[in-house]
């Protein structure tokens, strides 16, 4: 298992082990790819309520999906939003992606939960962006925000979970029956 570098990533794209649409070669970096912010985001539809994932069958009423107005996505202070990537990706059954927020954005007070793109995953990536600062931070569709480090997996398996082939921002599934 090793981290894929720039030339190996481009070779993986040529070999169709990695599909990225729309593709722009500028997103291929030294040791990964930088995905860009999509045109919609989600946030809680309300605040100061108790949310118990173990009691939720369908979370659609908890979140509102918003189109980026004036090409701006405001991330409120001490809150979070769910972002989607502009790019739709498809990993072969031998590639895994480890996601990190670009460090430049982290220096403004943004952070994200550890996220893995599983082998065989296909779709837009939904990422939780947390604003730990006391200020509104504005993100814009098309800006690079998510650095994905790609590694080769040992063995082969494909993701079969409920988020396979997700399009746009995807709110969390209910967890009733899992707890």
N, C-alpha and C. Protein backbone atom coordinates (compact mmCIF):
# COMPACT_ATOMS: atom_id res chain seq x y z
N UNK A 1 0.86 -1.17 0.00
CA UNK A 1 0.00 0.00 0.00
C UNK A 1 0.90 1.23 0.00
N UNK A 2 0.62 2.16 -0.90
CA UNK A 2 1.40 3.38 -0.96
C UNK A 2 0.55 4.54 -1.42
N UNK A 3 1.01 5.75 -1.12
CA UNK A 3 0.32 6.97 -1.53
C UNK A 3 0.61 7.23 -3.00
N UNK A 4 -0.44 7.52 -3.76
CA UNK A 4 -0.27 7.82 -5.18
C UNK A 4 0.20 9.26 -5.35
N UNK A 5 1.20 9.46 -6.18
CA UNK A 5 1.70 10.79 -6.47
C UNK A 5 1.16 11.27 -7.82
N UNK A 6 1.47 12.49 -8.15
CA UNK A 6 0.94 13.19 -9.33
C UNK A 6 0.90 12.31 -10.59
N UNK A 7 2.05 11.79 -11.00
CA UNK A 7 2.11 11.02 -12.25
C UNK A 7 1.33 9.72 -12.18
N UNK A 8 1.34 9.07 -11.03
CA UNK A 8 0.59 7.82 -10.86
C UNK A 8 -0.92 8.11 -10.88
N UNK A 9 -1.32 9.23 -10.31
CA UNK A 9 -2.74 9.61 -10.33
C UNK A 9 -3.19 9.83 -11.77
N UNK A 10 -2.41 10.57 -12.54
CA UNK A 10 -2.76 10.80 -13.95
C UNK A 10 -2.81 9.49 -14.72
N UNK A 11 -1.89 8.57 -14.42
CA UNK A 11 -1.90 7.26 -15.07
C UNK A 11 -3.15 6.48 -14.66
N UNK A 12 -3.55 6.57 -13.39
CA UNK A 12 -4.77 5.88 -12.92
C UNK A 12 -6.01 6.43 -13.61
N UNK A 13 -6.01 7.72 -13.90
CA UNK A 13 -7.13 8.33 -14.63
C UNK A 13 -7.15 7.81 -16.06
N UNK A 14 -6.00 7.77 -16.70
CA UNK A 14 -5.92 7.24 -18.08
C UNK A 14 -6.38 5.79 -18.14
N UNK A 15 -6.04 5.00 -17.11
CA UNK A 15 -6.40 3.58 -17.07
C UNK A 15 -7.83 3.35 -16.58
N UNK A 16 -8.53 4.45 -16.23
CA UNK A 16 -9.91 4.40 -15.74
C UNK A 16 -10.04 3.68 -14.40
N UNK A 17 -8.95 3.65 -13.61
CA UNK A 17 -9.01 3.18 -12.23
C UNK A 17 -9.61 4.26 -11.34
N UNK A 18 -9.54 5.48 -11.83
CA UNK A 18 -10.06 6.65 -11.13
C UNK A 18 -10.76 7.52 -12.16
N UNK A 19 -12.05 7.77 -11.92
CA UNK A 19 -12.81 8.65 -12.80
C UNK A 19 -13.18 9.90 -12.02
N UNK A 20 -13.01 11.05 -12.65
CA UNK A 20 -13.35 12.33 -12.04
C UNK A 20 -14.06 13.16 -13.11
N UNK A 21 -15.30 13.59 -12.80
CA UNK A 21 -16.07 14.41 -13.75
C UNK A 21 -16.71 15.57 -13.01
N UNK A 22 -16.57 16.81 -13.44
CA UNK A 22 -15.70 17.20 -14.54
C UNK A 22 -14.25 17.14 -14.10
N UNK A 23 -13.37 16.86 -15.04
CA UNK A 23 -11.95 16.74 -14.73
C UNK A 23 -11.19 17.95 -15.23
N UNK A 24 -10.31 18.44 -14.39
CA UNK A 24 -9.40 19.52 -14.73
C UNK A 24 -8.04 19.10 -14.15
N UNK A 25 -7.04 19.02 -14.98
CA UNK A 25 -5.74 18.52 -14.54
C UNK A 25 -5.15 19.33 -13.39
N UNK A 26 -5.59 20.58 -13.23
CA UNK A 26 -5.05 21.42 -12.15
C UNK A 26 -5.42 20.90 -10.75
N UNK A 27 -6.41 20.02 -10.64
CA UNK A 27 -6.76 19.49 -9.32
C UNK A 27 -5.84 18.36 -8.87
N UNK A 28 -5.02 17.85 -9.81
CA UNK A 28 -4.06 16.80 -9.45
C UNK A 28 -2.85 17.47 -8.83
N UNK A 29 -2.59 17.13 -7.57
CA UNK A 29 -1.52 17.77 -6.82
C UNK A 29 -0.34 16.81 -6.66
N UNK A 30 0.62 17.18 -5.85
CA UNK A 30 1.83 16.38 -5.67
C UNK A 30 1.52 14.97 -5.14
N UNK A 31 0.62 14.89 -4.17
CA UNK A 31 0.32 13.60 -3.53
C UNK A 31 -1.17 13.40 -3.31
N UNK A 32 -1.98 13.84 -4.25
CA UNK A 32 -3.43 13.65 -4.12
C UNK A 32 -4.17 14.54 -5.11
N UNK A 33 -5.47 14.66 -4.88
CA UNK A 33 -6.30 15.52 -5.71
C UNK A 33 -7.02 16.51 -4.82
N UNK A 34 -7.24 17.70 -5.34
CA UNK A 34 -8.02 18.72 -4.64
C UNK A 34 -9.38 18.82 -5.30
N UNK A 35 -10.42 18.46 -4.58
CA UNK A 35 -11.78 18.56 -5.12
C UNK A 35 -12.35 19.92 -4.77
N UNK A 36 -13.33 20.37 -5.56
CA UNK A 36 -13.86 21.72 -5.44
C UNK A 36 -15.27 21.71 -4.84
N UNK A 37 -15.64 22.84 -4.26
CA UNK A 37 -16.95 23.02 -3.65
C UNK A 37 -18.02 23.00 -4.75
N UNK A 38 -19.10 22.25 -4.51
CA UNK A 38 -20.24 22.21 -5.42
C UNK A 38 -21.17 23.39 -5.22
N UNK A 39 -22.34 23.35 -5.86
CA UNK A 39 -23.25 24.50 -5.89
C UNK A 39 -24.41 24.41 -4.90
N UNK A 40 -24.40 23.41 -4.02
CA UNK A 40 -25.44 23.33 -3.00
C UNK A 40 -24.81 22.88 -1.69
N UNK A 41 -25.52 23.17 -0.61
CA UNK A 41 -25.06 22.75 0.70
C UNK A 41 -26.30 22.47 1.56
N UNK A 42 -26.08 21.85 2.70
CA UNK A 42 -27.18 21.56 3.62
C UNK A 42 -26.80 22.04 5.01
N UNK A 43 -27.84 22.45 5.74
CA UNK A 43 -27.65 22.83 7.14
C UNK A 43 -28.91 22.44 7.90
N UNK A 44 -28.78 22.39 9.22
CA UNK A 44 -29.95 22.05 10.02
C UNK A 44 -31.10 23.01 9.71
N UNK A 45 -32.30 22.49 9.67
CA UNK A 45 -33.49 23.32 9.42
C UNK A 45 -33.92 24.06 10.68
N UNK A 46 -33.37 23.69 11.82
CA UNK A 46 -33.72 24.31 13.10
C UNK A 46 -32.52 24.21 14.02
N UNK A 47 -32.61 24.81 15.20
CA UNK A 47 -31.52 24.72 16.17
C UNK A 47 -32.08 24.54 17.57
N UNK A 48 -31.21 24.23 18.50
CA UNK A 48 -31.55 24.06 19.91
C UNK A 48 -32.58 22.96 20.15
N UNK A 49 -32.52 21.90 19.36
CA UNK A 49 -33.39 20.74 19.53
C UNK A 49 -32.53 19.54 19.90
N UNK A 50 -33.15 18.50 20.38
CA UNK A 50 -32.44 17.26 20.65
C UNK A 50 -32.53 16.39 19.40
N UNK A 51 -31.37 15.96 18.91
CA UNK A 51 -31.31 15.09 17.73
C UNK A 51 -30.72 13.76 18.18
N UNK A 52 -31.51 12.70 18.09
CA UNK A 52 -31.07 11.37 18.48
C UNK A 52 -31.07 10.48 17.24
N UNK A 53 -29.91 10.28 16.60
CA UNK A 53 -29.85 9.50 15.37
C UNK A 53 -30.46 8.11 15.50
N UNK A 54 -30.44 7.54 16.72
CA UNK A 54 -30.98 6.19 16.92
C UNK A 54 -32.51 6.16 16.84
N UNK A 55 -33.14 7.31 16.90
CA UNK A 55 -34.60 7.38 16.82
C UNK A 55 -35.08 7.89 15.45
N UNK A 56 -34.16 8.12 14.54
CA UNK A 56 -34.52 8.72 13.25
C UNK A 56 -34.53 7.67 12.15
N UNK A 57 -35.67 7.56 11.48
CA UNK A 57 -35.76 6.67 10.32
C UNK A 57 -35.35 7.41 9.05
N UNK A 58 -35.74 8.68 8.96
CA UNK A 58 -35.47 9.49 7.78
C UNK A 58 -35.14 10.90 8.27
N UNK A 59 -33.98 11.40 7.90
CA UNK A 59 -33.54 12.70 8.42
C UNK A 59 -33.90 13.87 7.50
N UNK A 60 -34.74 13.64 6.51
CA UNK A 60 -35.02 14.70 5.53
C UNK A 60 -35.62 15.97 6.17
N UNK A 61 -36.37 15.85 7.24
CA UNK A 61 -36.94 17.03 7.88
C UNK A 61 -35.95 17.80 8.75
N UNK A 62 -34.81 17.20 9.03
CA UNK A 62 -33.82 17.84 9.89
C UNK A 62 -32.96 18.87 9.15
N UNK A 63 -32.80 18.67 7.86
CA UNK A 63 -31.89 19.51 7.08
C UNK A 63 -32.62 20.20 5.95
N UNK A 64 -32.11 21.36 5.59
CA UNK A 64 -32.59 22.03 4.38
C UNK A 64 -31.41 22.12 3.42
N UNK A 65 -31.69 21.82 2.17
CA UNK A 65 -30.68 21.90 1.12
C UNK A 65 -30.83 23.25 0.46
N UNK A 66 -29.71 23.95 0.32
CA UNK A 66 -29.71 25.34 -0.14
C UNK A 66 -28.81 25.47 -1.36
N UNK A 67 -29.27 26.21 -2.37
CA UNK A 67 -28.42 26.56 -3.50
C UNK A 67 -27.54 27.72 -3.08
N UNK A 68 -26.29 27.72 -3.53
CA UNK A 68 -25.36 28.80 -3.19
C UNK A 68 -25.84 30.10 -3.83
N UNK A 69 -26.29 31.04 -3.00
CA UNK A 69 -26.77 32.32 -3.50
C UNK A 69 -25.59 33.24 -3.77
N UNK A 70 -25.65 33.94 -4.88
CA UNK A 70 -24.56 34.87 -5.24
C UNK A 70 -23.21 34.18 -5.19
N UNK A 71 -23.21 32.87 -5.50
CA UNK A 71 -21.97 32.08 -5.47
C UNK A 71 -21.27 32.14 -4.12
N UNK A 72 -22.06 32.15 -3.05
CA UNK A 72 -21.50 32.19 -1.70
C UNK A 72 -22.16 31.14 -0.83
N UNK A 73 -21.34 30.51 0.00
CA UNK A 73 -21.83 29.57 1.00
C UNK A 73 -21.32 30.05 2.35
N UNK A 74 -22.18 30.72 3.12
CA UNK A 74 -21.73 31.20 4.43
C UNK A 74 -21.76 30.06 5.46
N UNK A 75 -20.66 29.87 6.14
CA UNK A 75 -20.60 28.87 7.21
C UNK A 75 -20.68 29.65 8.52
N UNK A 76 -21.81 29.50 9.25
CA UNK A 76 -22.01 30.28 10.47
C UNK A 76 -20.98 29.97 11.55
N UNK A 77 -20.73 30.94 12.45
CA UNK A 77 -19.80 30.71 13.55
C UNK A 77 -20.25 29.54 14.42
N UNK A 78 -19.30 28.77 14.89
CA UNK A 78 -19.57 27.65 15.81
C UNK A 78 -20.69 26.75 15.31
N UNK A 79 -20.69 26.46 14.03
CA UNK A 79 -21.71 25.64 13.41
C UNK A 79 -21.07 24.81 12.29
N UNK A 80 -21.91 24.11 11.54
CA UNK A 80 -21.37 23.33 10.42
C UNK A 80 -22.35 23.31 9.27
N UNK A 81 -21.82 22.98 8.10
CA UNK A 81 -22.63 22.75 6.91
C UNK A 81 -22.15 21.46 6.26
N UNK A 82 -23.05 20.87 5.49
CA UNK A 82 -22.67 19.73 4.65
C UNK A 82 -22.43 20.27 3.25
N UNK A 83 -21.24 20.05 2.73
CA UNK A 83 -20.91 20.49 1.37
C UNK A 83 -20.85 19.28 0.46
N UNK A 84 -21.03 19.51 -0.81
CA UNK A 84 -20.82 18.48 -1.81
C UNK A 84 -19.68 18.93 -2.71
N UNK A 85 -19.01 17.96 -3.29
CA UNK A 85 -17.96 18.29 -4.25
C UNK A 85 -18.59 18.59 -5.61
N UNK A 86 -17.95 19.46 -6.34
CA UNK A 86 -18.32 19.73 -7.72
C UNK A 86 -18.11 18.46 -8.55
N UNK A 87 -17.04 17.76 -8.22
CA UNK A 87 -16.67 16.56 -8.97
C UNK A 87 -17.43 15.32 -8.49
N UNK A 88 -17.75 14.50 -9.43
CA UNK A 88 -18.25 13.16 -9.17
C UNK A 88 -17.06 12.24 -9.37
N UNK A 89 -16.80 11.36 -8.41
CA UNK A 89 -15.64 10.46 -8.51
C UNK A 89 -16.09 9.01 -8.53
N UNK A 90 -15.24 8.19 -9.11
CA UNK A 90 -15.46 6.75 -9.07
C UNK A 90 -14.10 6.11 -8.85
N UNK A 91 -13.97 5.42 -7.70
CA UNK A 91 -12.73 4.74 -7.37
C UNK A 91 -12.84 3.28 -7.77
N UNK A 92 -11.75 2.73 -8.28
CA UNK A 92 -11.74 1.30 -8.58
C UNK A 92 -11.80 0.53 -7.27
N UNK A 93 -11.91 -0.78 -7.37
CA UNK A 93 -11.97 -1.60 -6.16
C UNK A 93 -10.60 -1.81 -5.53
N UNK A 94 -9.60 -1.05 -5.99
CA UNK A 94 -8.27 -1.14 -5.37
C UNK A 94 -7.76 0.22 -4.89
N UNK A 95 -8.61 1.26 -4.92
CA UNK A 95 -8.20 2.59 -4.46
C UNK A 95 -9.06 3.04 -3.28
N UNK A 96 -8.41 3.71 -2.32
CA UNK A 96 -9.07 4.29 -1.16
C UNK A 96 -8.66 5.76 -1.09
N UNK A 97 -9.59 6.64 -0.71
CA UNK A 97 -9.26 8.05 -0.56
C UNK A 97 -9.38 8.51 0.89
N UNK A 98 -8.34 9.18 1.39
CA UNK A 98 -8.36 9.78 2.72
C UNK A 98 -8.52 11.28 2.54
N UNK A 99 -9.58 11.85 3.11
CA UNK A 99 -9.94 13.25 2.87
C UNK A 99 -9.45 14.16 3.99
N UNK A 100 -8.93 15.30 3.59
CA UNK A 100 -8.47 16.33 4.51
C UNK A 100 -8.91 17.68 3.98
N UNK A 101 -9.24 18.58 4.87
CA UNK A 101 -9.51 19.96 4.47
C UNK A 101 -8.18 20.60 4.08
N UNK A 102 -8.17 21.42 3.05
CA UNK A 102 -6.94 22.13 2.69
C UNK A 102 -6.49 22.96 3.89
N UNK A 103 -5.22 22.94 4.17
CA UNK A 103 -4.71 23.61 5.37
C UNK A 103 -4.94 25.11 5.34
N UNK A 104 -4.97 25.71 4.16
CA UNK A 104 -5.25 27.15 4.09
C UNK A 104 -6.61 27.47 4.71
N UNK A 105 -7.62 26.64 4.44
CA UNK A 105 -8.95 26.87 5.02
C UNK A 105 -8.96 26.58 6.51
N UNK A 106 -8.18 25.60 6.94
CA UNK A 106 -8.09 25.30 8.37
C UNK A 106 -7.52 26.49 9.14
N UNK A 107 -6.67 27.25 8.50
CA UNK A 107 -6.05 28.41 9.15
C UNK A 107 -7.04 29.55 9.36
N UNK A 108 -8.21 29.47 8.72
CA UNK A 108 -9.27 30.45 8.96
C UNK A 108 -10.21 30.00 10.08
N UNK A 109 -10.06 28.75 10.55
CA UNK A 109 -10.91 28.26 11.63
C UNK A 109 -11.88 27.17 11.20
N UNK A 110 -11.72 26.67 9.98
CA UNK A 110 -12.58 25.58 9.51
C UNK A 110 -11.92 24.24 9.81
N UNK A 111 -12.73 23.23 10.01
CA UNK A 111 -12.22 21.87 10.18
C UNK A 111 -13.24 20.90 9.61
N UNK A 112 -12.88 19.64 9.58
CA UNK A 112 -13.80 18.62 9.09
C UNK A 112 -13.54 17.31 9.83
N UNK A 113 -14.56 16.47 9.82
CA UNK A 113 -14.42 15.15 10.43
C UNK A 113 -13.58 14.26 9.53
N UNK A 114 -12.85 13.30 10.11
CA UNK A 114 -12.11 12.36 9.27
C UNK A 114 -13.08 11.65 8.32
N UNK A 115 -12.72 11.60 7.06
CA UNK A 115 -13.60 11.00 6.06
C UNK A 115 -12.79 10.12 5.13
N UNK A 116 -13.32 8.95 4.83
CA UNK A 116 -12.67 8.01 3.91
C UNK A 116 -13.61 7.78 2.73
N UNK A 117 -13.05 7.78 1.54
CA UNK A 117 -13.79 7.38 0.35
C UNK A 117 -13.45 5.91 0.14
N UNK A 118 -14.43 5.05 0.32
CA UNK A 118 -14.20 3.61 0.28
C UNK A 118 -13.88 3.10 -1.13
N UNK A 119 -13.20 1.95 -1.16
CA UNK A 119 -12.91 1.29 -2.44
C UNK A 119 -14.22 1.08 -3.19
N UNK A 120 -14.20 1.34 -4.48
CA UNK A 120 -15.39 1.12 -5.31
C UNK A 120 -16.46 2.18 -5.18
N UNK A 121 -16.23 3.24 -4.39
CA UNK A 121 -17.24 4.28 -4.22
C UNK A 121 -17.41 5.04 -5.52
N UNK A 122 -18.66 5.48 -5.75
CA UNK A 122 -18.97 6.31 -6.91
C UNK A 122 -19.99 7.36 -6.49
N UNK A 123 -19.74 8.61 -6.84
CA UNK A 123 -20.68 9.69 -6.56
C UNK A 123 -19.97 10.97 -6.17
N UNK A 124 -20.79 11.98 -5.85
CA UNK A 124 -20.25 13.21 -5.27
C UNK A 124 -19.89 12.90 -3.83
N UNK A 125 -18.94 13.63 -3.30
CA UNK A 125 -18.54 13.44 -1.91
C UNK A 125 -19.23 14.50 -1.06
N UNK A 126 -19.90 14.06 0.01
CA UNK A 126 -20.49 14.99 0.97
C UNK A 126 -19.54 15.10 2.16
N UNK A 127 -19.21 16.33 2.52
CA UNK A 127 -18.24 16.58 3.59
C UNK A 127 -18.82 17.54 4.62
N UNK A 128 -18.60 17.25 5.88
CA UNK A 128 -19.03 18.11 6.98
C UNK A 128 -17.95 19.15 7.24
N UNK A 129 -18.29 20.41 7.07
CA UNK A 129 -17.33 21.49 7.33
C UNK A 129 -17.78 22.22 8.59
N UNK A 130 -16.88 22.29 9.57
CA UNK A 130 -17.17 22.87 10.87
C UNK A 130 -16.43 24.20 10.99
N UNK A 131 -17.17 25.24 11.37
CA UNK A 131 -16.56 26.54 11.60
C UNK A 131 -16.33 26.69 13.10
N UNK A 132 -15.10 26.60 13.52
CA UNK A 132 -14.77 26.70 14.94
C UNK A 132 -14.53 28.13 15.38
N UNK A 133 -14.59 29.07 14.44
CA UNK A 133 -14.33 30.47 14.78
C UNK A 133 -15.63 31.17 15.18
N UNK A 134 -15.50 32.38 15.63
CA UNK A 134 -16.66 33.20 15.98
C UNK A 134 -17.14 34.05 14.81
N UNK A 135 -16.61 33.81 13.61
CA UNK A 135 -16.95 34.60 12.43
C UNK A 135 -17.64 33.76 11.37
N UNK A 136 -18.44 34.40 10.54
CA UNK A 136 -18.96 33.73 9.34
C UNK A 136 -17.80 33.58 8.38
N UNK A 137 -17.65 32.41 7.80
CA UNK A 137 -16.61 32.18 6.78
C UNK A 137 -17.33 31.81 5.49
N UNK A 138 -17.00 32.50 4.42
CA UNK A 138 -17.67 32.30 3.14
C UNK A 138 -16.83 31.40 2.25
N UNK A 139 -17.45 30.36 1.75
CA UNK A 139 -16.84 29.49 0.74
C UNK A 139 -17.56 29.74 -0.58
N UNK A 140 -16.91 29.39 -1.68
CA UNK A 140 -17.50 29.65 -2.99
C UNK A 140 -17.46 28.39 -3.85
N UNK A 141 -18.54 28.14 -4.57
CA UNK A 141 -18.52 27.02 -5.51
C UNK A 141 -17.33 27.15 -6.46
N UNK A 142 -16.69 26.03 -6.70
CA UNK A 142 -15.54 26.00 -7.62
C UNK A 142 -14.20 26.15 -6.94
N UNK A 143 -14.18 26.58 -5.65
CA UNK A 143 -12.89 26.71 -4.98
C UNK A 143 -12.42 25.35 -4.49
N UNK A 144 -11.12 25.11 -4.56
CA UNK A 144 -10.55 23.86 -4.05
C UNK A 144 -10.63 23.88 -2.53
N UNK A 145 -11.19 22.82 -1.96
CA UNK A 145 -11.33 22.78 -0.50
C UNK A 145 -10.96 21.45 0.11
N UNK A 146 -11.04 20.38 -0.65
CA UNK A 146 -10.88 19.03 -0.11
C UNK A 146 -9.69 18.34 -0.75
N UNK A 147 -8.68 18.03 0.04
CA UNK A 147 -7.52 17.31 -0.47
C UNK A 147 -7.74 15.83 -0.21
N UNK A 148 -7.67 15.02 -1.26
CA UNK A 148 -7.88 13.58 -1.14
C UNK A 148 -6.56 12.87 -1.44
N UNK A 149 -6.07 12.14 -0.46
CA UNK A 149 -4.87 11.32 -0.62
C UNK A 149 -5.34 9.94 -1.04
N UNK A 150 -4.83 9.47 -2.16
CA UNK A 150 -5.23 8.17 -2.71
C UNK A 150 -4.17 7.13 -2.39
N UNK A 151 -4.61 5.95 -1.94
CA UNK A 151 -3.70 4.85 -1.66
C UNK A 151 -4.25 3.58 -2.31
N UNK A 152 -3.34 2.69 -2.62
CA UNK A 152 -3.74 1.39 -3.16
C UNK A 152 -4.11 0.47 -1.99
N UNK A 153 -5.22 -0.20 -2.12
CA UNK A 153 -5.67 -1.14 -1.10
C UNK A 153 -5.08 -2.52 -1.38
N UNK A 154 -4.87 -3.28 -0.33
CA UNK A 154 -4.46 -4.67 -0.50
C UNK A 154 -5.72 -5.50 -0.57
N UNK A 155 -5.85 -6.30 -1.59
CA UNK A 155 -7.08 -7.05 -1.81
C UNK A 155 -8.07 -6.17 -2.55
N UNK A 156 -9.21 -6.74 -2.88
CA UNK A 156 -10.22 -5.98 -3.63
C UNK A 156 -11.58 -6.18 -3.00
N UNK A 157 -12.33 -5.11 -2.96
CA UNK A 157 -13.69 -5.12 -2.43
C UNK A 157 -14.34 -3.85 -2.93
N UNK A 158 -15.65 -3.81 -3.01
CA UNK A 158 -16.33 -2.60 -3.47
C UNK A 158 -17.37 -2.16 -2.45
N UNK A 159 -17.44 -0.85 -2.28
CA UNK A 159 -18.43 -0.24 -1.39
C UNK A 159 -19.84 -0.56 -1.89
N UNK A 160 -20.70 -0.95 -0.97
CA UNK A 160 -22.08 -1.27 -1.31
C UNK A 160 -23.07 -0.54 -0.41
N UNK A 161 -22.61 0.48 0.30
CA UNK A 161 -23.43 1.19 1.27
C UNK A 161 -24.49 2.09 0.64
N UNK A 162 -25.27 2.70 1.51
CA UNK A 162 -26.43 3.49 1.07
C UNK A 162 -26.06 4.80 0.40
N UNK A 163 -24.80 5.23 0.50
CA UNK A 163 -24.40 6.50 -0.13
C UNK A 163 -23.81 6.29 -1.53
N UNK A 164 -23.78 5.06 -2.01
CA UNK A 164 -23.26 4.76 -3.34
C UNK A 164 -24.05 5.53 -4.40
N UNK A 165 -23.35 6.16 -5.31
CA UNK A 165 -23.91 6.93 -6.42
C UNK A 165 -24.69 8.16 -5.97
N UNK A 166 -24.34 8.70 -4.80
CA UNK A 166 -25.03 9.90 -4.33
C UNK A 166 -24.74 11.06 -5.27
N UNK A 167 -25.74 11.92 -5.41
CA UNK A 167 -25.62 13.10 -6.27
C UNK A 167 -25.87 14.33 -5.43
N UNK A 168 -24.98 15.31 -5.57
CA UNK A 168 -25.14 16.53 -4.79
C UNK A 168 -24.91 16.27 -3.32
N UNK A 169 -25.31 17.24 -2.51
CA UNK A 169 -25.14 17.09 -1.07
C UNK A 169 -26.14 16.03 -0.59
N UNK A 170 -25.67 15.12 0.27
CA UNK A 170 -26.51 14.03 0.76
C UNK A 170 -26.58 14.11 2.27
N UNK A 171 -27.80 14.24 2.78
CA UNK A 171 -27.99 14.33 4.23
C UNK A 171 -27.81 12.94 4.85
N UNK A 172 -27.57 12.87 6.16
CA UNK A 172 -27.33 11.57 6.78
C UNK A 172 -28.57 10.68 6.77
N UNK A 173 -28.30 9.38 6.71
CA UNK A 173 -29.41 8.44 6.80
C UNK A 173 -29.86 8.35 8.26
N UNK A 174 -31.08 7.91 8.46
CA UNK A 174 -31.53 7.64 9.82
C UNK A 174 -30.85 6.39 10.33
N UNK A 175 -30.67 6.31 11.63
CA UNK A 175 -29.95 5.16 12.20
C UNK A 175 -30.86 4.26 13.05
N UNK A 176 -32.18 4.52 12.97
CA UNK A 176 -33.10 3.69 13.75
C UNK A 176 -32.94 2.24 13.33
N UNK A 177 -32.84 1.35 14.29
CA UNK A 177 -32.65 -0.06 14.01
C UNK A 177 -31.18 -0.46 14.00
N UNK A 178 -30.27 0.51 14.00
CA UNK A 178 -28.84 0.19 14.05
C UNK A 178 -28.29 0.28 15.47
N UNK A 179 -29.01 0.99 16.34
CA UNK A 179 -28.49 1.26 17.70
C UNK A 179 -29.00 0.26 18.71
